[in-house]
């Protein structure tokens, strides 16, 4: 079974279709986070290390271009919908929490949050939709989106490349290691976010009720 999987994966990775798949998955993931683009990019990096196909640098470029385009589609959707897409997110869900985090982080750190959001589950879509809905300037959005896309494409590909080099004779183990490393980085980012959030003051006193009491 494993030999058949390896043969099929090897055929796919050696075809030019893999570049189209990488581009499409990365683009769709920008506004439809159910697409496993990160897994595909990591896998391509593994095979780039073990067999030389697909080309390592081409994988990085294609994945980054797809992510860049996907982020702009999500931004356009947020701008066109005027925030209605985000307002319909059900409270109490993980997606709602991601939206709240995106709005809060965007207000505090501006476009830099877009780069960080690339490594937060569901964060990239929430941030790009939010930036569009609040009319964040496109001329400022684009450079940050480019930085986020390039760093993400290089990171996913190189994580896979490391896994592929570690298990050159068994690419499947390399894929498992690569995906494991990607999940570990995601977990670290989540833990850091959680610790930083706990260090912040709970909530500032709203002066409005005080004024009403004085009346």
Protein backbone atom coordinates (compact mmCIF):
# COMPACT_ATOMS: atom_id res chain seq x y z
CA UNK A 1 0.00 0.00 0.00
CA UNK A 2 2.76 2.43 0.95
CA UNK A 3 4.61 1.67 -2.30
CA UNK A 4 1.47 2.44 -4.29
CA UNK A 5 0.99 5.73 -2.41
CA UNK A 6 4.62 6.68 -2.99
CA UNK A 7 4.35 5.84 -6.69
CA UNK A 8 1.20 7.92 -7.08
CA UNK A 9 2.67 10.84 -5.11
CA UNK A 10 5.89 10.66 -7.08
CA UNK A 11 3.98 10.77 -10.37
CA UNK A 12 1.98 13.76 -9.17
CA UNK A 13 4.99 15.65 -7.87
CA UNK A 14 6.94 15.13 -11.09
CA UNK A 15 4.10 16.51 -13.24
CA UNK A 16 3.73 20.17 -14.14
CA UNK A 17 0.19 19.92 -12.79
CA UNK A 18 1.59 20.10 -9.27
CA UNK A 19 2.46 23.76 -9.79
CA UNK A 20 -1.10 24.54 -10.86
CA UNK A 21 -2.42 22.62 -7.84
CA UNK A 22 -0.08 24.48 -5.47
CA UNK A 23 -1.13 27.83 -6.89
CA UNK A 24 -4.83 26.98 -6.80
CA UNK A 25 -4.80 25.53 -3.28
CA UNK A 26 -2.82 28.47 -1.89
CA UNK A 27 -5.14 30.97 -3.58
CA UNK A 28 -8.34 29.26 -2.41
CA UNK A 29 -7.00 28.95 1.12
CA UNK A 30 -6.85 32.75 1.29
CA UNK A 31 -10.63 33.02 1.42
CA UNK A 32 -11.73 29.39 1.97
CA UNK A 33 -9.64 28.08 4.90
CA UNK A 34 -10.91 24.49 4.60
CA UNK A 35 -8.44 23.96 1.74
CA UNK A 36 -5.29 22.11 3.00
CA UNK A 37 -2.80 24.25 1.11
CA UNK A 38 -0.14 24.08 3.81
CA UNK A 39 -0.12 20.27 3.74
CA UNK A 40 0.32 20.24 -0.05
CA UNK A 41 3.17 22.77 0.05
CA UNK A 42 4.95 20.84 2.82
CA UNK A 43 4.55 17.62 0.84
CA UNK A 44 5.98 19.27 -2.27
CA UNK A 45 8.96 20.41 -0.19
CA UNK A 46 9.53 16.83 1.00
CA UNK A 47 9.65 15.45 -2.53
CA UNK A 48 11.83 18.36 -3.67
CA UNK A 49 14.39 17.16 -1.11
CA UNK A 50 14.07 13.41 -1.74
CA UNK A 51 13.74 13.27 -5.53
CA UNK A 52 14.46 16.78 -6.81
CA UNK A 53 10.94 17.14 -8.21
CA UNK A 54 9.16 19.50 -8.02
CA UNK A 55 11.72 22.29 -8.09
CA UNK A 56 12.25 23.75 -4.61
CA UNK A 57 12.38 27.40 -5.68
CA UNK A 58 9.43 27.02 -8.03
CA UNK A 59 7.33 25.60 -5.18
CA UNK A 60 8.14 28.62 -3.00
CA UNK A 61 7.31 31.10 -5.77
CA UNK A 62 4.09 29.42 -6.90
CA UNK A 63 2.80 28.96 -3.34
CA UNK A 64 3.61 32.59 -2.48
CA UNK A 65 1.91 33.94 -5.61
CA UNK A 66 -1.19 31.86 -4.92
CA UNK A 67 -1.34 33.04 -1.29
CA UNK A 68 -0.85 36.66 -2.38
CA UNK A 69 -3.74 36.45 -4.83
CA UNK A 70 -5.97 34.65 -2.33
CA UNK A 71 -5.38 37.33 0.31
CA UNK A 72 -6.43 40.02 -2.16
CA UNK A 73 -9.59 38.11 -3.08
CA UNK A 74 -10.46 37.86 0.62
CA UNK A 75 -9.72 41.57 1.07
CA UNK A 76 -12.00 42.41 -1.86
CA UNK A 77 -14.78 40.23 -0.43
CA UNK A 78 -14.51 41.99 2.92
CA UNK A 79 -14.50 45.40 1.28
CA UNK A 80 -17.47 44.60 -0.93
CA UNK A 81 -19.56 42.99 1.78
CA UNK A 82 -18.93 45.86 4.17
CA UNK A 83 -18.36 43.55 7.13
CA UNK A 84 -21.60 41.58 6.71
CA UNK A 85 -19.69 38.33 6.21
CA UNK A 86 -17.94 38.77 9.53
CA UNK A 87 -21.05 39.90 11.38
CA UNK A 88 -22.81 36.65 10.43
CA UNK A 89 -20.17 34.50 12.13
CA UNK A 90 -21.82 32.63 15.03
CA UNK A 91 -20.64 33.89 18.45
CA UNK A 92 -18.82 31.38 20.61
CA UNK A 93 -17.22 29.54 17.69
CA UNK A 94 -13.51 29.37 16.87
CA UNK A 95 -14.12 31.41 13.74
CA UNK A 96 -15.82 34.13 15.79
CA UNK A 97 -12.86 34.17 18.17
CA UNK A 98 -10.53 34.53 15.18
CA UNK A 99 -12.55 37.50 13.91
CA UNK A 100 -12.41 39.22 17.31
CA UNK A 101 -8.66 38.59 17.47
CA UNK A 102 -8.23 40.00 13.96
CA UNK A 103 -10.10 43.20 14.74
CA UNK A 104 -8.29 43.74 18.04
CA UNK A 105 -4.86 42.98 16.59
CA UNK A 106 -5.44 45.13 13.51
CA UNK A 107 -6.31 48.10 15.71
CA UNK A 108 -3.16 47.58 17.77
CA UNK A 109 -0.51 46.61 15.23
CA UNK A 110 -1.84 47.44 11.79
CA UNK A 111 -0.65 45.49 8.76
CA UNK A 112 2.00 43.51 10.65
CA UNK A 113 -0.79 41.35 12.04
CA UNK A 114 -1.37 40.04 8.51
CA UNK A 115 2.09 38.46 8.53
CA UNK A 116 1.49 36.82 11.92
CA UNK A 117 -2.01 35.68 10.89
CA UNK A 118 -0.49 33.48 8.19
CA UNK A 119 0.54 31.12 10.97
CA UNK A 120 -2.72 31.23 12.97
CA UNK A 121 -5.44 28.67 12.09
CA UNK A 122 -8.27 30.62 10.47
CA UNK A 123 -6.46 33.85 11.21
CA UNK A 124 -5.40 34.72 7.69
CA UNK A 125 -8.97 34.77 6.35
CA UNK A 126 -10.34 36.64 9.37
CA UNK A 127 -7.64 39.31 9.09
CA UNK A 128 -7.90 39.87 5.34
CA UNK A 129 -11.71 40.05 5.49
CA UNK A 130 -11.48 42.47 8.40
CA UNK A 131 -8.93 44.66 6.64
CA UNK A 132 -11.24 44.87 3.66
CA UNK A 133 -14.35 45.57 5.73
CA UNK A 134 -12.69 48.43 7.67
CA UNK A 135 -11.36 49.88 4.39
CA UNK A 136 -7.71 49.38 5.27
CA UNK A 137 -5.77 51.16 2.46
CA UNK A 138 -4.95 48.79 -0.39
CA UNK A 139 -1.59 50.48 -0.96
CA UNK A 140 -0.66 49.53 2.60
CA UNK A 141 -2.30 46.11 2.49
CA UNK A 142 -0.43 44.89 -0.61
CA UNK A 143 3.16 45.12 0.76
CA UNK A 144 2.17 43.32 3.96
CA UNK A 145 0.30 40.68 1.95
CA UNK A 146 3.41 40.16 -0.19
CA UNK A 147 5.62 39.78 2.89
CA UNK A 148 3.15 37.34 4.46
CA UNK A 149 2.84 35.26 1.29
CA UNK A 150 6.58 35.02 0.65
CA UNK A 151 7.41 34.12 4.25
CA UNK A 152 4.62 31.52 4.35
CA UNK A 153 5.60 29.95 1.02
CA UNK A 154 9.26 29.72 2.05
CA UNK A 155 8.43 28.44 5.52
CA UNK A 156 6.09 25.64 4.41
CA UNK A 157 8.39 24.53 1.60
CA UNK A 158 11.54 24.53 3.74
CA UNK A 159 9.79 22.68 6.59
CA UNK A 160 8.93 19.98 4.07
CA UNK A 161 12.46 20.09 2.67
CA UNK A 162 13.88 19.44 6.13
CA UNK A 163 11.55 16.47 6.56
CA UNK A 164 12.53 15.15 3.15
CA UNK A 165 16.24 15.40 3.90
CA UNK A 166 15.75 13.62 7.21
CA UNK A 167 14.00 10.68 5.49
CA UNK A 168 15.31 10.67 1.92
CA UNK A 169 14.61 6.95 1.58
CA UNK A 170 11.05 7.23 2.93
CA UNK A 171 9.23 10.37 1.76
CA UNK A 172 6.06 9.39 3.66
CA UNK A 173 7.95 9.70 6.95
CA UNK A 174 9.33 13.00 5.67
CA UNK A 175 5.79 14.25 5.06
CA UNK A 176 4.76 13.23 8.58
CA UNK A 177 7.80 14.99 10.06
CA UNK A 178 7.24 18.10 7.93
CA UNK A 179 3.58 18.39 8.87
CA UNK A 180 4.49 17.75 12.50
CA UNK A 181 7.02 20.58 12.45
CA UNK A 182 4.44 22.91 10.87
CA UNK A 183 1.91 22.01 13.56
CA UNK A 184 4.53 22.59 16.24
CA UNK A 185 5.24 26.10 14.95
CA UNK A 186 1.49 26.80 14.87
CA UNK A 187 1.17 25.58 18.45
CA UNK A 188 4.03 27.81 19.57
CA UNK A 189 2.43 30.84 17.90
CA UNK A 190 -0.88 30.06 19.62
CA UNK A 191 0.79 29.69 23.02
CA UNK A 192 2.64 32.99 22.62
CA UNK A 193 -0.60 34.73 21.62
CA UNK A 194 -2.37 33.25 24.62
CA UNK A 195 0.36 34.36 27.05
CA UNK A 196 0.46 37.88 25.62
CA UNK A 197 -3.31 38.16 25.82
CA UNK A 198 -3.28 37.11 29.50
CA UNK A 199 -0.69 39.76 30.33
CA UNK A 200 -2.89 42.56 29.01
CA UNK A 201 -5.23 44.37 31.38
CA UNK A 202 -8.70 42.82 31.37
CA UNK A 203 -10.75 45.81 30.34
CA UNK A 204 -10.57 49.53 30.73
CA UNK A 205 -13.32 51.30 32.64
CA UNK A 206 -15.87 52.80 30.30
CA UNK A 207 -16.38 56.43 31.26
CA UNK A 208 -19.91 56.51 29.84
CA UNK A 209 -21.64 54.84 32.83
CA UNK A 210 -19.82 57.21 35.20
CA UNK A 211 -21.20 60.22 33.39
CA UNK A 212 -24.67 58.75 33.46
CA UNK A 213 -24.40 58.21 37.23
CA UNK A 214 -23.41 61.79 37.78
CA UNK A 215 -26.51 62.93 36.05
